[in-house]
Amino acid sequence: MYHFIINPKSSSGKGIKYWWIVKSELDRQQISYTATFTRHAGHAIEITRQLCNKYTGIKNIVILGGDGTVNEVINGIDHYKEVLLGYIPSGSSNDLARSLRIPKDPIKALSNILKPTRFKYLDHGVITFLDHDKTPRRFSCSSGMGYDANVCLEVQESPLKRRLNRYGAGKLVYLAIAIKQILTIMPSDGSVIIDGQKKNTYKKILLVSSMIHKYEGGGLLMAPDADPADGRLSVCLVHGMSRLQVIFMLPMLLLGMHTKFKGVEAFHCKEIEIIMDRNVAVHTDGEIPAVCSHIKVSNLEEQVRMIL
């Protein structure tokens, strides 16, 4: 039995289009399945918990949506050993699928799930909000505090993204807002504590991205050395750069060459605590769970098993 969690509105309706394609193939092959559509933010968390509580043994959960839907499903799982995840990407960014080389074609992705050739145990992280009473938030692909989260926040609130997604041009919104944020964002001063021991203080922090996979933001190679199964976070910290320097540095993210710039630090750790001098946006897999000033990001020991 396969349990499909579908975000019908992912990428402005691509999700529902992909689902009808997938459903026809499942029915043709007489595959047993359940299908539940998400209806609002956080709904995939509720659906996942219900599935995990209702069914015994290993649950084959298949996500049809974008990185945000994957994020919610990850946050709804209580016992990872009891879940086997499949993924059919239908979002506008699809950074997890890009990292794992999951096909964009829904039938090819479905075929891999129904006739898997291999599984992989993957890391995931968690953010604890130390100056808020918010529930800790897990992430499967990427997290960030500062500039990249500001871009995600503004993109979420932009009606233009939905319009352009209909024509497959949703990434233009990210680009436009990314440029706007360079010109308007006010970097913060702050400190980071690495693995509970080493503390560094920085001026003009643009962003601190804590990555499980290599990509975020629809293909930006934020962490070119990231290994999603090594038990570590791959951190990119940008600080002390002028706006002009940032403008020259950002295009290099597409090639993973930003780490060669002065003011860009890349390192690995199991845990990082970030203390900013004011509230800034935080994202998990492109979603915004909080605007705050003090967080702890950790790589969880328990891994999730995924079909590739």
Protein backbone atom coordinates (compact mmCIF):
# COMPACT_ATOMS: atom_id res chain seq x y z
CA MET A 1 0.00 0.00 0.00
CA TYR A 2 1.27 3.43 -0.99
CA HIS A 3 0.05 6.55 0.80
CA PHE A 4 0.20 9.64 -1.44
CA ILE A 5 0.25 13.12 0.07
CA ILE A 6 -0.47 15.60 -2.72
CA ASN A 7 -0.11 19.36 -2.73
CA PRO A 8 -2.47 20.21 -5.61
CA LYS A 9 -1.44 23.87 -5.61
CA SER A 10 2.31 23.32 -5.83
CA SER A 11 3.84 25.44 -8.58
CA SER A 12 0.45 27.07 -9.26
CA GLY A 13 -1.40 23.88 -10.12
CA LYS A 14 1.33 21.62 -11.43
CA GLY A 15 0.69 19.36 -8.44
CA ILE A 16 -2.86 18.49 -9.42
CA LYS A 17 -1.89 17.99 -13.07
CA TYR A 18 0.88 15.60 -12.04
CA TRP A 19 -1.46 13.75 -9.71
CA TRP A 20 -3.97 12.91 -12.46
CA ILE A 21 -1.08 11.54 -14.54
CA VAL A 22 0.19 9.48 -11.61
CA LYS A 23 -3.31 8.29 -10.65
CA SER A 24 -3.98 7.02 -14.17
CA GLU A 25 -0.77 4.97 -14.07
CA LEU A 26 -1.52 3.58 -10.60
CA ASP A 27 -5.01 2.54 -11.71
CA ARG A 28 -3.65 1.04 -14.92
CA GLN A 29 -1.23 -1.11 -12.92
CA GLN A 30 -3.89 -1.85 -10.26
CA ILE A 31 -1.68 -0.55 -7.48
CA SER A 32 -3.25 -0.17 -4.03
CA TYR A 33 -2.97 3.36 -2.68
CA THR A 34 -4.54 6.08 -0.60
CA ALA A 35 -4.46 9.72 -1.68
CA THR A 36 -4.91 12.83 0.45
CA PHE A 37 -4.75 16.44 -0.76
CA THR A 38 -3.27 19.20 1.36
CA ARG A 39 -5.65 22.11 1.88
CA HIS A 40 -3.69 24.65 3.91
CA ALA A 41 -0.27 25.38 5.38
CA GLY A 42 0.69 22.70 7.89
CA HIS A 43 -1.87 20.20 6.58
CA ALA A 44 0.76 17.74 5.35
CA ILE A 45 2.09 17.53 8.93
CA GLU A 46 -1.38 16.53 10.15
CA ILE A 47 -1.90 14.02 7.32
CA THR A 48 1.46 12.37 7.97
CA ARG A 49 0.77 11.99 11.68
CA GLN A 50 -2.61 10.47 10.95
CA LEU A 51 -1.07 7.95 8.55
CA CYS A 52 1.66 7.02 11.01
CA ASN A 53 -0.89 6.50 13.80
CA LYS A 54 -3.44 4.61 11.69
CA TYR A 55 -1.21 2.06 9.94
CA THR A 56 1.17 -0.44 11.50
CA GLY A 57 4.50 -1.64 10.12
CA ILE A 58 6.45 0.20 7.44
CA LYS A 59 4.48 3.05 5.87
CA ASN A 60 5.22 3.80 2.21
CA ILE A 61 4.56 7.53 2.05
CA VAL A 62 4.88 9.24 -1.33
CA ILE A 63 5.06 13.04 -1.50
CA LEU A 64 3.81 14.81 -4.59
CA GLY A 65 4.64 18.47 -4.15
CA GLY A 66 7.58 20.79 -3.67
CA ASP A 67 10.30 21.20 -1.06
CA GLY A 68 7.82 22.83 1.31
CA THR A 69 5.56 19.77 1.20
CA VAL A 70 8.54 17.52 1.90
CA ASN A 71 9.35 19.76 4.86
CA GLU A 72 5.89 19.33 6.33
CA VAL A 73 5.93 15.55 5.90
CA ILE A 74 9.32 15.35 7.62
CA ASN A 75 7.84 17.31 10.53
CA GLY A 76 4.90 14.92 10.78
CA ILE A 77 6.93 11.72 11.17
CA ASP A 78 7.50 10.51 14.74
CA HIS A 79 9.47 7.31 14.07
CA TYR A 80 11.62 7.36 10.94
CA LYS A 81 12.33 3.63 11.09
CA GLU A 82 8.66 2.99 10.32
CA VAL A 83 8.56 5.13 7.17
CA LEU A 84 9.84 4.70 3.63
CA LEU A 85 9.61 7.94 1.63
CA GLY A 86 9.08 8.40 -2.08
CA TYR A 87 9.07 11.74 -3.85
CA ILE A 88 7.50 13.02 -7.06
CA PRO A 89 8.62 16.66 -7.41
CA SER A 90 6.08 19.21 -8.62
CA GLY A 91 7.33 22.41 -6.96
CA SER A 92 8.93 25.51 -8.40
CA SER A 93 12.35 24.97 -6.75
CA ASN A 94 12.72 21.18 -6.31
CA ASP A 95 16.15 21.46 -4.67
CA LEU A 96 15.82 18.09 -2.93
CA ALA A 97 15.00 16.37 -6.21
CA ARG A 98 17.91 18.16 -7.87
CA SER A 99 20.31 16.93 -5.19
CA LEU A 100 19.04 13.34 -5.33
CA ARG A 101 18.65 13.34 -9.14
CA ILE A 102 14.99 12.38 -8.94
CA PRO A 103 13.40 12.68 -12.43
CA LYS A 104 11.22 15.69 -13.19
CA ASP A 105 8.91 13.49 -15.24
CA PRO A 106 6.17 12.20 -12.87
CA ILE A 107 5.88 8.80 -14.57
CA LYS A 108 9.63 8.21 -14.35
CA ALA A 109 9.64 9.28 -10.71
CA LEU A 110 6.69 6.98 -10.01
CA SER A 111 8.40 4.09 -11.77
CA ASN A 112 11.42 4.48 -9.49
CA ILE A 113 9.10 4.33 -6.47
CA LEU A 114 7.15 1.27 -7.63
CA LYS A 115 10.27 -0.60 -8.77
CA PRO A 116 13.07 0.81 -6.61
CA THR A 117 16.67 -0.06 -7.38
CA ARG A 118 18.12 1.46 -4.22
CA PHE A 119 17.34 3.27 -0.99
CA LYS A 120 19.35 5.91 0.81
CA TYR A 121 19.42 6.95 4.44
CA LEU A 122 19.39 10.74 4.55
CA ASP A 123 20.16 13.27 7.26
CA HIS A 124 17.79 15.98 8.32
CA GLY A 125 18.21 18.96 10.60
CA VAL A 126 16.21 20.74 13.25
CA ILE A 127 16.01 24.39 14.32
CA THR A 128 15.29 25.25 17.94
CA PHE A 129 14.08 28.81 18.54
CA LEU A 130 15.80 29.92 21.71
CA ASP A 131 14.09 33.31 22.05
CA HIS A 132 10.59 32.05 21.16
CA ASP A 133 8.25 29.36 22.46
CA LYS A 134 7.76 28.01 18.94
CA THR A 135 7.94 24.26 18.33
CA PRO A 136 11.32 23.17 16.90
CA ARG A 137 11.19 22.82 13.12
CA ARG A 138 12.92 20.10 11.12
CA PHE A 139 14.22 20.51 7.58
CA SER A 140 15.26 18.03 4.92
CA CYS A 141 17.28 20.12 2.49
CA SER A 142 18.27 23.59 3.68
CA SER A 143 17.82 26.25 6.31
CA GLY A 144 18.99 29.82 6.56
CA MET A 145 18.93 32.96 8.67
CA GLY A 146 19.19 36.39 7.08
CA TYR A 147 19.30 37.22 3.38
CA ASP A 148 18.15 33.90 1.89
CA ALA A 149 15.26 33.70 4.38
CA ASN A 150 14.29 37.31 3.57
CA VAL A 151 14.04 36.36 -0.09
CA CYS A 152 11.86 33.32 0.76
CA LEU A 153 9.63 35.47 2.97
CA GLU A 154 9.02 38.07 0.28
CA VAL A 155 8.53 35.42 -2.43
CA GLN A 156 5.87 33.71 -0.30
CA GLU A 157 3.98 36.97 0.01
CA SER A 158 4.29 37.86 -3.67
CA PRO A 159 1.22 37.21 -5.90
CA LEU A 160 3.52 37.51 -8.92
CA LYS A 161 5.09 34.11 -8.19
CA ARG A 162 1.75 32.34 -8.61
CA ARG A 163 1.12 34.11 -11.89
CA LEU A 164 4.53 33.37 -13.38
CA ASN A 165 4.49 29.75 -12.19
CA ARG A 166 1.62 29.15 -14.61
CA TYR A 167 4.07 29.87 -17.43
CA GLY A 168 7.01 28.03 -15.86
CA ALA A 169 8.76 31.31 -15.04
CA GLY A 170 8.42 31.38 -11.26
CA LYS A 171 12.19 31.59 -10.80
CA LEU A 172 12.12 35.11 -12.24
CA VAL A 173 10.39 36.21 -9.03
CA TYR A 174 13.23 34.79 -6.94
CA LEU A 175 15.75 36.62 -9.11
CA ALA A 176 13.92 39.95 -8.94
CA ILE A 177 13.41 39.76 -5.18
CA ALA A 178 16.98 38.56 -4.62
CA ILE A 179 18.27 41.69 -6.39
CA LYS A 180 15.87 43.91 -4.48
CA GLN A 181 16.95 42.41 -1.15
CA ILE A 182 20.62 43.10 -1.93
CA LEU A 183 19.77 46.79 -2.25
CA THR A 184 17.53 47.02 0.82
CA ILE A 185 18.63 44.46 3.43
CA MET A 186 20.39 45.67 6.57
CA PRO A 187 23.01 43.08 7.67
CA SER A 188 23.18 42.19 11.36
CA ASP A 189 26.03 41.83 13.80
CA GLY A 190 26.14 38.59 15.73
CA SER A 191 27.92 35.52 17.05
CA VAL A 192 27.96 31.83 16.24
CA ILE A 193 28.86 28.97 18.55
CA ILE A 194 30.07 25.86 16.72
CA ASP A 195 29.47 22.44 18.32
CA GLY A 196 29.03 24.11 21.71
CA GLN A 197 32.69 25.13 21.91
CA LYS A 198 34.08 27.59 19.40
CA LYS A 199 32.52 31.06 19.46
CA ASN A 200 33.12 33.65 16.74
CA THR A 201 31.75 37.19 16.51
CA TYR A 202 31.03 38.86 13.16
CA LYS A 203 30.05 42.27 11.81
CA LYS A 204 27.53 42.75 9.00
CA ILE A 205 26.28 39.17 8.73
CA LEU A 206 24.37 38.79 5.47
CA LEU A 207 23.32 35.18 5.97
CA VAL A 208 24.06 31.95 7.81
CA SER A 209 22.86 28.93 5.80
CA SER A 210 22.93 25.49 7.42
CA MET A 211 22.59 22.88 4.70
CA ILE A 212 21.92 19.15 4.47
CA HIS A 213 22.02 19.08 0.67
CA LYS A 214 23.97 21.18 -1.80
CA TYR A 215 21.19 23.34 -3.22
CA GLU A 216 18.65 25.92 -2.15
CA GLY A 217 16.65 28.69 -3.82
CA GLY A 218 15.95 26.76 -7.01
CA GLY A 219 19.45 25.58 -7.89
CA LEU A 220 21.84 27.84 -5.98
CA LEU A 221 24.88 25.74 -5.06
CA MET A 222 25.08 27.10 -1.52
CA ALA A 223 27.01 24.15 -0.09
CA PRO A 224 29.03 22.49 -2.88
CA ASP A 225 30.71 20.06 -0.46
CA ALA A 226 27.55 18.96 1.35
CA ASP A 227 26.98 15.24 1.84
CA PRO A 228 23.36 14.48 2.87
CA ALA A 229 24.36 11.31 4.70
CA ASP A 230 27.51 12.30 6.63
CA GLY A 231 25.79 13.37 9.85
CA ARG A 232 26.95 16.98 9.55
CA LEU A 233 25.61 20.40 8.60
CA SER A 234 27.36 22.25 5.80
CA VAL A 235 27.39 25.90 6.85
CA CYS A 236 27.87 28.95 4.64
CA LEU A 237 28.35 32.24 6.51
CA VAL A 238 28.65 35.55 4.65
CA HIS A 239 29.78 38.63 6.53
CA GLY A 240 31.56 42.00 6.27
CA MET A 241 30.85 42.52 2.56
CA SER A 242 29.73 45.72 0.86
CA ARG A 243 26.63 45.70 -1.33
CA LEU A 244 28.83 45.87 -4.42
CA GLN A 245 30.84 42.86 -3.26
CA VAL A 246 27.63 40.96 -2.60
CA ILE A 247 26.38 41.77 -6.12
CA PHE A 248 29.54 40.25 -7.60
CA MET A 249 29.47 37.27 -5.24
CA LEU A 250 25.85 36.12 -5.66
CA PRO A 251 26.07 34.96 -9.31
CA MET A 252 28.90 32.67 -8.23
CA LEU A 253 26.36 30.72 -6.16
CA LEU A 254 25.18 29.10 -9.39
CA LEU A 255 28.64 27.54 -9.80
CA GLY A 256 29.48 27.03 -6.13
CA MET A 257 32.40 29.45 -6.47
CA HIS A 258 31.18 31.95 -3.86
CA THR A 259 33.35 30.29 -1.21
CA LYS A 260 36.44 31.82 -2.84
CA PHE A 261 35.34 35.35 -1.84
CA LYS A 262 36.73 37.07 1.22
CA GLY A 263 33.94 37.26 3.77
CA VAL A 264 32.47 33.88 2.85
CA GLU A 265 33.18 31.08 5.30
CA ALA A 266 32.23 27.45 4.65
CA PHE A 267 32.61 24.71 7.27
CA HIS A 268 31.02 21.53 8.63
CA CYS A 269 29.62 20.90 12.10
CA LYS A 270 26.96 18.92 13.93
CA GLU A 271 25.45 21.94 15.64
CA ILE A 272 25.56 25.72 15.32
CA GLU A 273 24.03 28.33 17.59
CA ILE A 274 23.38 31.74 16.02
CA ILE A 275 22.79 34.92 18.01
CA MET A 276 21.91 38.06 16.04
CA ASP A 277 21.65 41.60 17.43
CA ARG A 278 18.08 41.92 16.12
CA ASN A 279 15.25 39.79 14.76
CA VAL A 280 15.75 38.39 11.26
CA ALA A 281 13.87 35.90 9.11
CA VAL A 282 14.57 32.15 9.34
CA HIS A 283 13.67 29.60 6.66
CA THR A 284 13.43 25.81 6.60
CA ASP A 285 13.29 24.36 3.08
CA GLY A 286 12.05 27.73 1.83
CA GLU A 287 9.27 28.05 4.42
CA ILE A 288 9.35 30.76 7.13
CA PRO A 289 8.61 29.37 10.62
CA ALA A 290 9.89 32.41 12.56
CA VAL A 291 11.43 35.85 12.61
CA CYS A 292 13.78 35.86 15.59
CA SER A 293 17.32 36.53 16.80
CA HIS A 294 18.56 33.37 18.55
CA ILE A 295 18.42 29.84 17.14
CA LYS A 296 20.24 26.53 17.38
CA VAL A 297 20.54 24.33 14.29
CA SER A 298 21.41 20.65 14.73
CA ASN A 299 21.83 17.58 12.58
CA LEU A 300 19.63 14.81 13.99
CA GLU A 301 21.13 11.37 14.47
CA GLU A 302 18.13 9.44 13.14
CA GLN A 303 18.05 9.29 9.35
CA VAL A 304 15.08 8.91 7.04
CA ARG A 305 15.03 6.19 4.37
CA MET A 306 14.17 7.39 0.87
CA ILE A 307 13.57 5.64 -2.44
CA LEU A 308 15.89 6.78 -5.23
